[in-house]
Amino acid sequence: MPAADKTLSADDPQALDRAADVIARGGVVAVPTETFYGLAADAAHADAVARIFEIKGRPATLALPLVAASLQQVIDLLGSLDAQSEKAARIFWPGPLSLVLSAGNRTVAIRVPAHDFVRALAGRAGVLLTATSANKTGAPPAETARAVAASLEGLVDLIIDGGPTPGGKPSTIADLRGVGGAAPRLVRDGAVAWSRVLESLQ
């Protein structure tokens, strides 16, 4: 799919439909989140996912975090959550806590973001979206649409300008499944303190 360097305000009445259309055609959209700008594509579209790795210069062996419109969408598309993960999801979602979940014979890290546009986009597109940061691997994450354009202009199909994002830490990634009797595990420190996650499980 040819890249087109276009930017739309998140307040534009056409922004959500335009972004969902790009996603449906296997494209890549840079969107604001509750932390930084991210690259959104249909997580089940192999070519779109491969393109994100190419855009970022990221090794394809590293998994991409995902976002969903709601806990219900996660359940509908991935199946029921284990008890610990569902408990944490109900407490921290929407918010910057990504949970490692079993999805068939693989695992995914997914969250419901605390950003209206991204949740609406996942709902409108009807798919789980990738949510890796909108920057080249190793470069600082982008907090503005201008920063995304400076780094990735011409490489993504659409940039949604939602104004400056809060920045700070990325989402916390936690594995609470207890596979094989394993204790809850912090995969990546981030915006939600690990102590809060552990407290929520008591």
N, C-alpha and C. Protein backbone atom coordinates (compact mmCIF):
# COMPACT_ATOMS: atom_id res chain seq x y z
N MET A 1 0.85 -1.19 0.00
CA MET A 1 0.00 0.00 0.00
C MET A 1 0.88 1.24 0.00
N PRO A 2 0.72 2.14 -0.97
CA PRO A 2 1.58 3.31 -1.02
C PRO A 2 1.38 4.23 0.17
N ALA A 3 2.47 4.80 0.66
CA ALA A 3 2.39 5.71 1.80
C ALA A 3 1.94 7.08 1.33
N ALA A 4 1.23 7.77 2.17
CA ALA A 4 0.79 9.13 1.86
C ALA A 4 0.97 9.95 3.12
N ASP A 5 1.73 11.05 2.99
CA ASP A 5 2.01 11.85 4.19
C ASP A 5 0.89 12.85 4.39
N LYS A 6 -0.11 12.43 5.16
CA LYS A 6 -1.26 13.27 5.44
C LYS A 6 -1.50 13.29 6.93
N THR A 7 -1.94 14.44 7.43
CA THR A 7 -2.24 14.59 8.85
C THR A 7 -3.66 15.11 9.00
N LEU A 8 -4.40 14.52 9.93
CA LEU A 8 -5.75 14.96 10.23
C LEU A 8 -5.85 15.21 11.73
N SER A 9 -6.58 16.25 12.11
CA SER A 9 -6.84 16.48 13.52
C SER A 9 -7.77 15.40 14.05
N ALA A 10 -7.55 14.97 15.29
CA ALA A 10 -8.43 13.99 15.90
C ALA A 10 -9.85 14.54 16.04
N ASP A 11 -9.98 15.87 16.01
CA ASP A 11 -11.29 16.51 16.12
C ASP A 11 -12.02 16.59 14.78
N ASP A 12 -11.33 16.28 13.69
CA ASP A 12 -11.95 16.31 12.37
C ASP A 12 -13.04 15.24 12.32
N PRO A 13 -14.26 15.59 11.90
CA PRO A 13 -15.35 14.61 11.85
C PRO A 13 -15.04 13.39 10.98
N GLN A 14 -14.11 13.55 10.04
CA GLN A 14 -13.77 12.43 9.15
C GLN A 14 -12.60 11.59 9.67
N ALA A 15 -11.97 12.04 10.75
CA ALA A 15 -10.72 11.40 11.18
C ALA A 15 -10.91 9.92 11.52
N LEU A 16 -11.94 9.60 12.27
CA LEU A 16 -12.14 8.22 12.70
C LEU A 16 -12.42 7.30 11.52
N ASP A 17 -13.30 7.74 10.61
CA ASP A 17 -13.61 6.92 9.44
C ASP A 17 -12.40 6.77 8.53
N ARG A 18 -11.66 7.86 8.36
CA ARG A 18 -10.46 7.80 7.51
C ARG A 18 -9.44 6.83 8.09
N ALA A 19 -9.22 6.92 9.39
CA ALA A 19 -8.24 6.05 10.03
C ALA A 19 -8.69 4.60 9.96
N ALA A 20 -9.97 4.33 10.21
CA ALA A 20 -10.48 2.97 10.15
C ALA A 20 -10.36 2.40 8.74
N ASP A 21 -10.57 3.25 7.74
CA ASP A 21 -10.44 2.81 6.34
C ASP A 21 -8.99 2.42 6.02
N VAL A 22 -8.04 3.24 6.49
CA VAL A 22 -6.63 2.91 6.29
C VAL A 22 -6.29 1.57 6.95
N ILE A 23 -6.78 1.37 8.18
CA ILE A 23 -6.54 0.11 8.89
C ILE A 23 -7.13 -1.05 8.10
N ALA A 24 -8.36 -0.90 7.59
CA ALA A 24 -9.03 -1.97 6.86
C ALA A 24 -8.28 -2.34 5.58
N ARG A 25 -7.58 -1.38 5.00
CA ARG A 25 -6.84 -1.65 3.76
C ARG A 25 -5.40 -2.11 4.03
N GLY A 26 -5.11 -2.40 5.30
CA GLY A 26 -3.77 -2.89 5.62
C GLY A 26 -2.75 -1.79 5.79
N GLY A 27 -3.21 -0.58 6.08
CA GLY A 27 -2.30 0.55 6.25
C GLY A 27 -1.87 0.76 7.68
N VAL A 28 -1.06 1.79 7.87
CA VAL A 28 -0.50 2.12 9.18
C VAL A 28 -0.85 3.57 9.51
N VAL A 29 -1.40 3.77 10.71
CA VAL A 29 -1.82 5.10 11.16
C VAL A 29 -1.06 5.45 12.43
N ALA A 30 -0.50 6.64 12.50
CA ALA A 30 0.11 7.13 13.74
C ALA A 30 -0.98 7.82 14.55
N VAL A 31 -1.15 7.38 15.80
CA VAL A 31 -2.25 7.88 16.62
C VAL A 31 -1.73 8.29 18.00
N PRO A 32 -2.39 9.26 18.65
CA PRO A 32 -2.02 9.62 20.02
C PRO A 32 -2.54 8.56 20.99
N THR A 33 -1.82 8.35 22.08
CA THR A 33 -2.30 7.47 23.15
C THR A 33 -2.16 8.22 24.47
N GLU A 34 -2.41 7.54 25.58
CA GLU A 34 -2.30 8.19 26.88
C GLU A 34 -0.86 8.32 27.35
N THR A 35 0.09 7.80 26.54
CA THR A 35 1.51 7.98 26.87
C THR A 35 2.22 8.72 25.74
N PHE A 36 2.42 8.05 24.61
CA PHE A 36 3.08 8.65 23.45
C PHE A 36 2.26 8.36 22.20
N TYR A 37 2.72 8.87 21.06
CA TYR A 37 2.10 8.50 19.79
C TYR A 37 2.52 7.07 19.44
N GLY A 38 1.58 6.32 18.86
CA GLY A 38 1.84 4.93 18.51
C GLY A 38 1.50 4.65 17.06
N LEU A 39 1.96 3.49 16.57
CA LEU A 39 1.66 3.06 15.21
C LEU A 39 0.58 2.00 15.27
N ALA A 40 -0.58 2.32 14.68
CA ALA A 40 -1.73 1.44 14.72
C ALA A 40 -1.93 0.77 13.36
N ALA A 41 -2.07 -0.55 13.41
CA ALA A 41 -2.40 -1.35 12.23
C ALA A 41 -3.17 -2.56 12.71
N ASP A 42 -3.84 -3.24 11.80
CA ASP A 42 -4.56 -4.46 12.14
C ASP A 42 -3.55 -5.52 12.56
N ALA A 43 -3.62 -5.93 13.82
CA ALA A 43 -2.63 -6.87 14.35
C ALA A 43 -2.69 -8.23 13.68
N ALA A 44 -3.80 -8.53 12.99
CA ALA A 44 -3.93 -9.81 12.30
C ALA A 44 -3.55 -9.72 10.83
N HIS A 45 -3.15 -8.55 10.36
CA HIS A 45 -2.79 -8.34 8.96
C HIS A 45 -1.27 -8.47 8.83
N ALA A 46 -0.82 -9.59 8.30
CA ALA A 46 0.61 -9.90 8.29
C ALA A 46 1.44 -8.84 7.57
N ASP A 47 0.96 -8.36 6.43
CA ASP A 47 1.73 -7.37 5.67
C ASP A 47 1.81 -6.04 6.43
N ALA A 48 0.72 -5.65 7.09
CA ALA A 48 0.73 -4.40 7.84
C ALA A 48 1.70 -4.49 9.02
N VAL A 49 1.69 -5.63 9.70
CA VAL A 49 2.60 -5.82 10.83
C VAL A 49 4.05 -5.82 10.36
N ALA A 50 4.31 -6.50 9.25
CA ALA A 50 5.67 -6.53 8.70
C ALA A 50 6.13 -5.12 8.34
N ARG A 51 5.20 -4.31 7.85
CA ARG A 51 5.54 -2.94 7.49
C ARG A 51 5.92 -2.11 8.71
N ILE A 52 5.24 -2.35 9.84
CA ILE A 52 5.59 -1.62 11.06
C ILE A 52 7.02 -1.94 11.49
N PHE A 53 7.39 -3.22 11.45
CA PHE A 53 8.77 -3.59 11.77
C PHE A 53 9.75 -2.86 10.85
N GLU A 54 9.39 -2.77 9.57
CA GLU A 54 10.25 -2.08 8.60
C GLU A 54 10.34 -0.59 8.90
N ILE A 55 9.20 0.03 9.21
CA ILE A 55 9.17 1.46 9.51
C ILE A 55 10.05 1.78 10.70
N LYS A 56 9.96 0.96 11.73
CA LYS A 56 10.68 1.22 12.97
C LYS A 56 12.13 0.75 12.92
N GLY A 57 12.45 -0.15 11.98
CA GLY A 57 13.77 -0.76 12.01
C GLY A 57 13.90 -1.67 13.21
N ARG A 58 12.79 -2.35 13.55
CA ARG A 58 12.71 -3.18 14.75
C ARG A 58 12.85 -4.65 14.36
N PRO A 59 13.63 -5.43 15.09
CA PRO A 59 13.76 -6.86 14.77
C PRO A 59 12.40 -7.55 14.82
N ALA A 60 12.11 -8.36 13.82
CA ALA A 60 10.81 -9.02 13.74
C ALA A 60 10.63 -10.06 14.84
N THR A 61 11.69 -10.37 15.58
CA THR A 61 11.59 -11.32 16.68
C THR A 61 10.96 -10.70 17.92
N LEU A 62 10.88 -9.37 17.96
CA LEU A 62 10.28 -8.68 19.11
C LEU A 62 8.79 -8.49 18.86
N ALA A 63 7.96 -8.96 19.80
CA ALA A 63 6.52 -8.86 19.64
C ALA A 63 6.05 -7.41 19.75
N LEU A 64 4.94 -7.10 19.10
CA LEU A 64 4.35 -5.77 19.17
C LEU A 64 3.22 -5.76 20.20
N PRO A 65 3.20 -4.77 21.09
CA PRO A 65 2.06 -4.66 22.01
C PRO A 65 0.80 -4.28 21.25
N LEU A 66 -0.36 -4.65 21.81
CA LEU A 66 -1.64 -4.42 21.14
C LEU A 66 -2.56 -3.59 22.02
N VAL A 67 -3.57 -2.98 21.38
CA VAL A 67 -4.61 -2.27 22.11
C VAL A 67 -5.97 -2.71 21.58
N ALA A 68 -6.99 -2.54 22.44
CA ALA A 68 -8.35 -2.92 22.10
C ALA A 68 -9.31 -1.83 22.52
N ALA A 69 -10.55 -1.92 22.03
CA ALA A 69 -11.57 -0.93 22.36
C ALA A 69 -12.09 -1.12 23.77
N SER A 70 -12.10 -2.37 24.25
CA SER A 70 -12.71 -2.67 25.54
C SER A 70 -12.28 -4.07 25.98
N LEU A 71 -12.53 -4.36 27.24
CA LEU A 71 -12.29 -5.71 27.73
C LEU A 71 -13.14 -6.71 26.96
N GLN A 72 -14.37 -6.33 26.64
CA GLN A 72 -15.24 -7.23 25.90
C GLN A 72 -14.68 -7.56 24.53
N GLN A 73 -14.09 -6.57 23.85
CA GLN A 73 -13.49 -6.85 22.55
C GLN A 73 -12.33 -7.84 22.69
N VAL A 74 -11.54 -7.68 23.75
CA VAL A 74 -10.45 -8.62 24.00
C VAL A 74 -10.99 -10.04 24.16
N ILE A 75 -12.04 -10.18 24.96
CA ILE A 75 -12.64 -11.50 25.18
C ILE A 75 -13.24 -12.05 23.89
N ASP A 76 -13.91 -11.19 23.12
CA ASP A 76 -14.52 -11.63 21.87
C ASP A 76 -13.49 -12.14 20.87
N LEU A 77 -12.33 -11.48 20.83
CA LEU A 77 -11.34 -11.81 19.81
C LEU A 77 -10.27 -12.79 20.28
N LEU A 78 -10.01 -12.83 21.57
CA LEU A 78 -8.95 -13.71 22.08
C LEU A 78 -9.46 -14.82 22.98
N GLY A 79 -10.69 -14.71 23.46
CA GLY A 79 -11.22 -15.70 24.38
C GLY A 79 -11.14 -15.22 25.82
N SER A 80 -11.67 -16.02 26.72
CA SER A 80 -11.72 -15.64 28.13
C SER A 80 -10.33 -15.45 28.73
N LEU A 81 -10.23 -14.51 29.66
CA LEU A 81 -8.97 -14.26 30.36
C LEU A 81 -8.90 -15.16 31.60
N ASP A 82 -7.69 -15.44 32.05
CA ASP A 82 -7.52 -16.10 33.33
C ASP A 82 -8.00 -15.15 34.43
N ALA A 83 -8.28 -15.71 35.60
CA ALA A 83 -8.91 -14.93 36.67
C ALA A 83 -8.08 -13.74 37.11
N GLN A 84 -6.76 -13.92 37.28
CA GLN A 84 -5.91 -12.83 37.75
C GLN A 84 -5.84 -11.69 36.73
N SER A 85 -5.67 -12.05 35.46
CA SER A 85 -5.58 -11.03 34.41
C SER A 85 -6.88 -10.27 34.27
N GLU A 86 -8.01 -10.99 34.36
CA GLU A 86 -9.29 -10.31 34.23
C GLU A 86 -9.53 -9.36 35.40
N LYS A 87 -9.11 -9.77 36.58
CA LYS A 87 -9.27 -8.90 37.75
C LYS A 87 -8.48 -7.61 37.56
N ALA A 88 -7.22 -7.73 37.11
CA ALA A 88 -6.39 -6.54 36.89
C ALA A 88 -6.96 -5.69 35.75
N ALA A 89 -7.46 -6.33 34.71
CA ALA A 89 -8.03 -5.59 33.58
C ALA A 89 -9.21 -4.74 34.04
N ARG A 90 -10.06 -5.31 34.88
CA ARG A 90 -11.24 -4.57 35.33
C ARG A 90 -10.87 -3.40 36.24
N ILE A 91 -9.71 -3.50 36.88
CA ILE A 91 -9.26 -2.41 37.76
C ILE A 91 -8.52 -1.33 36.98
N PHE A 92 -7.63 -1.72 36.07
CA PHE A 92 -6.71 -0.76 35.45
C PHE A 92 -7.09 -0.33 34.03
N TRP A 93 -8.02 -1.01 33.40
CA TRP A 93 -8.43 -0.60 32.05
C TRP A 93 -9.66 0.27 32.12
N PRO A 94 -9.76 1.32 31.30
CA PRO A 94 -8.72 1.79 30.37
C PRO A 94 -7.53 2.38 31.13
N GLY A 95 -6.33 2.12 30.64
CA GLY A 95 -5.14 2.65 31.28
C GLY A 95 -3.88 1.98 30.77
N PRO A 96 -2.72 2.48 31.19
CA PRO A 96 -1.44 2.03 30.63
C PRO A 96 -0.87 0.76 31.30
N LEU A 97 -1.72 -0.27 31.44
CA LEU A 97 -1.25 -1.57 31.89
C LEU A 97 -1.51 -2.58 30.79
N SER A 98 -0.43 -3.13 30.22
CA SER A 98 -0.56 -4.18 29.21
C SER A 98 -0.43 -5.53 29.90
N LEU A 99 -1.34 -6.43 29.58
CA LEU A 99 -1.35 -7.75 30.18
C LEU A 99 -0.94 -8.80 29.16
N VAL A 100 -0.05 -9.70 29.57
CA VAL A 100 0.33 -10.81 28.72
C VAL A 100 -0.76 -11.86 28.80
N LEU A 101 -1.36 -12.18 27.65
CA LEU A 101 -2.47 -13.13 27.60
C LEU A 101 -2.15 -14.27 26.64
N SER A 102 -2.75 -15.41 26.90
CA SER A 102 -2.62 -16.54 25.99
C SER A 102 -3.63 -16.36 24.86
N ALA A 103 -3.16 -16.56 23.63
CA ALA A 103 -4.03 -16.44 22.45
C ALA A 103 -3.70 -17.61 21.53
N GLY A 104 -4.40 -18.70 21.73
CA GLY A 104 -4.10 -19.90 20.97
C GLY A 104 -2.74 -20.45 21.39
N ASN A 105 -1.86 -20.62 20.41
CA ASN A 105 -0.52 -21.16 20.72
C ASN A 105 0.53 -20.06 20.87
N ARG A 106 0.09 -18.83 21.11
CA ARG A 106 1.03 -17.72 21.27
C ARG A 106 0.58 -16.85 22.43
N THR A 107 1.39 -15.87 22.76
CA THR A 107 1.02 -14.91 23.78
C THR A 107 1.04 -13.51 23.17
N VAL A 108 0.22 -12.64 23.72
CA VAL A 108 0.19 -11.24 23.29
C VAL A 108 0.18 -10.36 24.52
N ALA A 109 0.70 -9.15 24.39
CA ALA A 109 0.60 -8.14 25.44
C ALA A 109 -0.40 -7.09 24.96
N ILE A 110 -1.47 -6.89 25.72
CA ILE A 110 -2.56 -6.05 25.25
C ILE A 110 -3.11 -5.18 26.37
N ARG A 111 -3.62 -4.00 26.00
CA ARG A 111 -4.28 -3.14 26.96
C ARG A 111 -5.45 -2.42 26.29
N VAL A 112 -6.33 -1.89 27.10
CA VAL A 112 -7.36 -0.96 26.63
C VAL A 112 -6.87 0.42 27.02
N PRO A 113 -6.50 1.25 26.06
CA PRO A 113 -5.84 2.52 26.40
C PRO A 113 -6.81 3.57 26.93
N ALA A 114 -6.27 4.46 27.74
CA ALA A 114 -7.06 5.57 28.29
C ALA A 114 -7.02 6.75 27.33
N HIS A 115 -7.36 6.48 26.08
CA HIS A 115 -7.42 7.55 25.08
C HIS A 115 -8.63 7.29 24.20
N ASP A 116 -9.55 8.24 24.17
CA ASP A 116 -10.82 8.04 23.49
C ASP A 116 -10.67 7.68 22.02
N PHE A 117 -9.76 8.37 21.31
CA PHE A 117 -9.66 8.15 19.87
C PHE A 117 -9.18 6.73 19.57
N VAL A 118 -8.19 6.26 20.28
CA VAL A 118 -7.65 4.93 19.99
C VAL A 118 -8.69 3.85 20.30
N ARG A 119 -9.38 3.99 21.40
CA ARG A 119 -10.44 3.02 21.71
C ARG A 119 -11.52 3.04 20.63
N ALA A 120 -11.90 4.24 20.21
CA ALA A 120 -12.93 4.36 19.17
C ALA A 120 -12.44 3.75 17.86
N LEU A 121 -11.16 3.92 17.56
CA LEU A 121 -10.62 3.37 16.32
C LEU A 121 -10.62 1.85 16.34
N ALA A 122 -10.23 1.25 17.46
CA ALA A 122 -10.26 -0.21 17.57
C ALA A 122 -11.69 -0.73 17.45
N GLY A 123 -12.62 0.03 18.02
CA GLY A 123 -14.02 -0.37 17.91
C GLY A 123 -14.55 -0.23 16.50
N ARG A 124 -14.25 0.88 15.86
CA ARG A 124 -14.73 1.11 14.48
C ARG A 124 -14.10 0.11 13.51
N ALA A 125 -12.82 -0.16 13.68
CA ALA A 125 -12.14 -1.10 12.79
C ALA A 125 -12.55 -2.55 13.09
N GLY A 126 -12.95 -2.81 14.34
CA GLY A 126 -13.38 -4.14 14.70
C GLY A 126 -12.25 -5.14 14.86
N VAL A 127 -11.04 -4.63 15.08
CA VAL A 127 -9.86 -5.49 15.20
C VAL A 127 -8.99 -5.01 16.35
N LEU A 128 -8.09 -5.88 16.79
CA LEU A 128 -7.06 -5.46 17.72
C LEU A 128 -6.01 -4.70 16.94
N LEU A 129 -5.49 -3.63 17.53
CA LEU A 129 -4.53 -2.77 16.85
C LEU A 129 -3.15 -2.90 17.48
N THR A 130 -2.12 -2.77 16.65
CA THR A 130 -0.77 -2.66 17.18
C THR A 130 -0.65 -1.32 17.90
N ALA A 131 0.30 -1.24 18.84
CA ALA A 131 0.42 -0.01 19.63
C ALA A 131 1.86 0.31 19.96
N THR A 132 2.78 -0.09 19.09
CA THR A 132 4.18 0.23 19.33
C THR A 132 4.42 1.72 19.13
N SER A 133 5.41 2.29 19.78
CA SER A 133 5.64 3.73 19.71
C SER A 133 5.99 4.17 18.29
N ALA A 134 5.54 5.38 17.95
CA ALA A 134 5.70 5.91 16.60
C ALA A 134 7.05 6.61 16.44
N ASN A 135 8.10 5.81 16.42
CA ASN A 135 9.44 6.35 16.27
C ASN A 135 10.35 5.23 15.76
N LYS A 136 11.49 5.60 15.26
CA LYS A 136 12.48 4.60 14.89
C LYS A 136 12.99 3.92 16.17
N THR A 137 13.27 2.63 16.10
CA THR A 137 13.78 1.93 17.26
C THR A 137 15.06 2.58 17.76
N GLY A 138 15.09 2.89 19.05
CA GLY A 138 16.26 3.54 19.64
C GLY A 138 16.12 5.04 19.73
N ALA A 139 15.17 5.62 18.99
CA ALA A 139 14.95 7.07 19.03
C ALA A 139 13.94 7.39 20.13
N PRO A 140 13.93 8.63 20.63
CA PRO A 140 12.95 8.99 21.67
C PRO A 140 11.53 8.83 21.15
N PRO A 141 10.59 8.38 21.99
CA PRO A 141 9.20 8.27 21.56
C PRO A 141 8.62 9.65 21.28
N ALA A 142 7.68 9.71 20.35
CA ALA A 142 7.11 10.99 19.91
C ALA A 142 5.94 11.40 20.81
N GLU A 143 5.97 12.65 21.24
CA GLU A 143 4.90 13.19 22.07
C GLU A 143 3.99 14.12 21.28
N THR A 144 4.33 14.43 20.02
CA THR A 144 3.50 15.30 19.18
C THR A 144 3.41 14.73 17.78
N ALA A 145 2.36 15.13 17.06
CA ALA A 145 2.21 14.72 15.67
C ALA A 145 3.35 15.28 14.82
N ARG A 146 3.82 16.47 15.17
CA ARG A 146 4.94 17.08 14.45
C ARG A 146 6.19 16.21 14.57
N ALA A 147 6.43 15.66 15.76
CA ALA A 147 7.59 14.79 15.96
C ALA A 147 7.45 13.51 15.15
N VAL A 148 6.23 12.98 15.06
CA VAL A 148 5.99 11.79 14.24
C VAL A 148 6.30 12.10 12.78
N ALA A 149 5.79 13.22 12.30
CA ALA A 149 6.01 13.59 10.91
C ALA A 149 7.49 13.79 10.61
N ALA A 150 8.21 14.40 11.53
CA ALA A 150 9.63 14.65 11.31
C ALA A 150 10.40 13.34 11.19
N SER A 151 9.97 12.33 11.94
CA SER A 151 10.68 11.05 11.96
C SER A 151 10.17 10.07 10.90
N LEU A 152 8.85 10.06 10.69
CA LEU A 152 8.26 8.99 9.89
C LEU A 152 7.45 9.48 8.69
N GLU A 153 7.50 10.76 8.39
CA GLU A 153 6.70 11.29 7.28
C GLU A 153 7.02 10.54 6.00
N GLY A 154 5.96 10.15 5.29
CA GLY A 154 6.13 9.38 4.06
C GLY A 154 6.17 7.88 4.29
N LEU A 155 6.32 7.47 5.57
CA LEU A 155 6.39 6.05 5.88
C LEU A 155 5.07 5.51 6.42
N VAL A 156 4.23 6.40 6.95
CA VAL A 156 2.92 5.99 7.44
C VAL A 156 1.85 6.58 6.52
N ASP A 157 0.65 6.01 6.56
CA ASP A 157 -0.40 6.42 5.63
C ASP A 157 -1.23 7.58 6.14
N LEU A 158 -1.25 7.75 7.46
CA LEU A 158 -2.05 8.82 8.04
C LEU A 158 -1.52 9.11 9.44
N ILE A 159 -1.48 10.39 9.79
CA ILE A 159 -1.13 10.81 11.14
C ILE A 159 -2.34 11.51 11.74
N ILE A 160 -2.79 11.04 12.89
CA ILE A 160 -3.90 11.68 13.59
C ILE A 160 -3.29 12.59 14.66
N ASP A 161 -3.55 13.88 14.54
CA ASP A 161 -2.99 14.87 15.47
C ASP A 161 -3.97 15.09 16.61
N GLY A 162 -3.63 14.53 17.77
CA GLY A 162 -4.46 14.72 18.95
C GLY A 162 -3.84 15.67 19.93
N GLY A 163 -2.88 16.48 19.46
CA GLY A 163 -2.19 17.39 20.36
C GLY A 163 -1.08 16.68 21.11
N PRO A 164 -0.38 17.38 21.98
CA PRO A 164 0.70 16.76 22.74
C PRO A 164 0.17 15.65 23.65
N THR A 165 0.90 14.55 23.72
CA THR A 165 0.55 13.47 24.64
C THR A 165 1.28 13.68 25.97
N PRO A 166 0.85 13.02 27.04
CA PRO A 166 1.46 13.26 28.35
C PRO A 166 2.91 12.83 28.45
N GLY A 167 3.33 11.85 27.62
CA GLY A 167 4.70 11.37 27.74
C GLY A 167 4.87 10.54 29.00
N GLY A 168 6.01 10.70 29.64
CA GLY A 168 6.27 9.92 30.85
C GLY A 168 6.73 8.52 30.51
N LYS A 169 6.32 7.57 31.33
CA LYS A 169 6.72 6.18 31.11
C LYS A 169 5.78 5.50 30.13
N PRO A 170 6.26 4.49 29.41
CA PRO A 170 5.36 3.70 28.56
C PRO A 170 4.45 2.84 29.43
N SER A 171 3.60 2.06 28.80
CA SER A 171 2.72 1.19 29.57
C SER A 171 3.52 0.13 30.31
N THR A 172 3.06 -0.21 31.49
CA THR A 172 3.61 -1.34 32.24
C THR A 172 3.15 -2.63 31.57
N ILE A 173 4.02 -3.61 31.47
CA ILE A 173 3.64 -4.91 30.91
C ILE A 173 3.81 -5.96 32.02
N ALA A 174 2.73 -6.70 32.28
CA ALA A 174 2.74 -7.68 33.36
C ALA A 174 2.17 -9.02 32.88
N ASP A 175 2.74 -10.09 33.38
CA ASP A 175 2.23 -11.44 33.11
C ASP A 175 1.67 -11.98 34.42
N LEU A 176 0.35 -12.04 34.49
CA LEU A 176 -0.33 -12.45 35.72
C LEU A 176 -1.00 -13.82 35.57
N ARG A 177 -0.71 -14.53 34.48
CA ARG A 177 -1.45 -15.75 34.17
C ARG A 177 -1.17 -16.89 35.15
N GLY A 178 0.00 -16.87 35.78
CA GLY A 178 0.32 -17.95 36.71
C GLY A 178 0.52 -19.28 36.03
N VAL A 179 1.04 -19.26 34.79
CA VAL A 179 1.24 -20.50 34.05
C VAL A 179 2.21 -21.41 34.81
N GLY A 180 1.80 -22.66 35.01
CA GLY A 180 2.66 -23.60 35.72
C GLY A 180 2.91 -23.22 37.17
N GLY A 181 1.97 -22.43 37.73
CA GLY A 181 2.15 -22.02 39.12
C GLY A 181 3.10 -20.85 39.30
N ALA A 182 3.48 -20.20 38.18
CA ALA A 182 4.42 -19.08 38.26
C ALA A 182 3.81 -17.89 38.98
N ALA A 183 4.65 -17.15 39.68
CA ALA A 183 4.21 -15.94 40.37
C ALA A 183 3.97 -14.83 39.35
N PRO A 184 3.15 -13.83 39.67
CA PRO A 184 2.99 -12.67 38.78
C PRO A 184 4.36 -12.09 38.44
N ARG A 185 4.53 -11.70 37.17
CA ARG A 185 5.85 -11.27 36.71
C ARG A 185 5.76 -9.90 36.02
N LEU A 186 6.65 -9.00 36.41
CA LEU A 186 6.77 -7.70 35.74
C LEU A 186 7.64 -7.87 34.51
N VAL A 187 7.07 -7.64 33.33
CA VAL A 187 7.81 -7.77 32.08
C VAL A 187 8.51 -6.46 31.72
N ARG A 188 7.81 -5.35 31.92
CA ARG A 188 8.40 -4.02 31.67
C ARG A 188 7.84 -3.02 32.66
N ASP A 189 8.72 -2.33 33.36
CA ASP A 189 8.29 -1.27 34.28
C ASP A 189 7.71 -0.12 33.47
N GLY A 190 6.68 0.51 33.98
CA GLY A 190 6.06 1.59 33.22
C GLY A 190 5.17 2.47 34.06
N ALA A 191 4.13 3.00 33.43
CA ALA A 191 3.31 4.05 34.03
C ALA A 191 2.50 3.58 35.24
N VAL A 192 2.16 2.30 35.30
CA VAL A 192 1.43 1.77 36.46
C VAL A 192 2.45 1.08 37.37
N ALA A 193 2.55 1.51 38.61
CA ALA A 193 3.53 0.94 39.53
C ALA A 193 3.25 -0.54 39.76
N TRP A 194 4.31 -1.34 39.75
CA TRP A 194 4.18 -2.78 39.95
C TRP A 194 3.54 -3.08 41.30
N SER A 195 3.85 -2.27 42.30
CA SER A 195 3.26 -2.49 43.62
C SER A 195 1.73 -2.36 43.57
N ARG A 196 1.22 -1.46 42.75
CA ARG A 196 -0.23 -1.30 42.61
C ARG A 196 -0.85 -2.53 41.96
N VAL A 197 -0.15 -3.07 40.96
CA VAL A 197 -0.66 -4.27 40.29
C VAL A 197 -0.73 -5.43 41.29
N LEU A 198 0.33 -5.62 42.06
CA LEU A 198 0.35 -6.71 43.03
C LEU A 198 -0.74 -6.52 44.09
N GLU A 199 -0.94 -5.29 44.53
CA GLU A 199 -1.98 -5.02 45.52
C GLU A 199 -3.36 -5.35 44.99
N SER A 200 -3.56 -5.12 43.70
CA SER A 200 -4.88 -5.37 43.09
C SER A 200 -5.23 -6.85 43.07
N LEU A 201 -4.25 -7.71 43.19
CA LEU A 201 -4.49 -9.15 43.10
C LEU A 201 -4.82 -9.76 44.46
N GLN A 202 -4.69 -9.00 45.51
CA GLN A 202 -4.92 -9.53 46.85
C GLN A 202 -6.39 -9.61 47.20
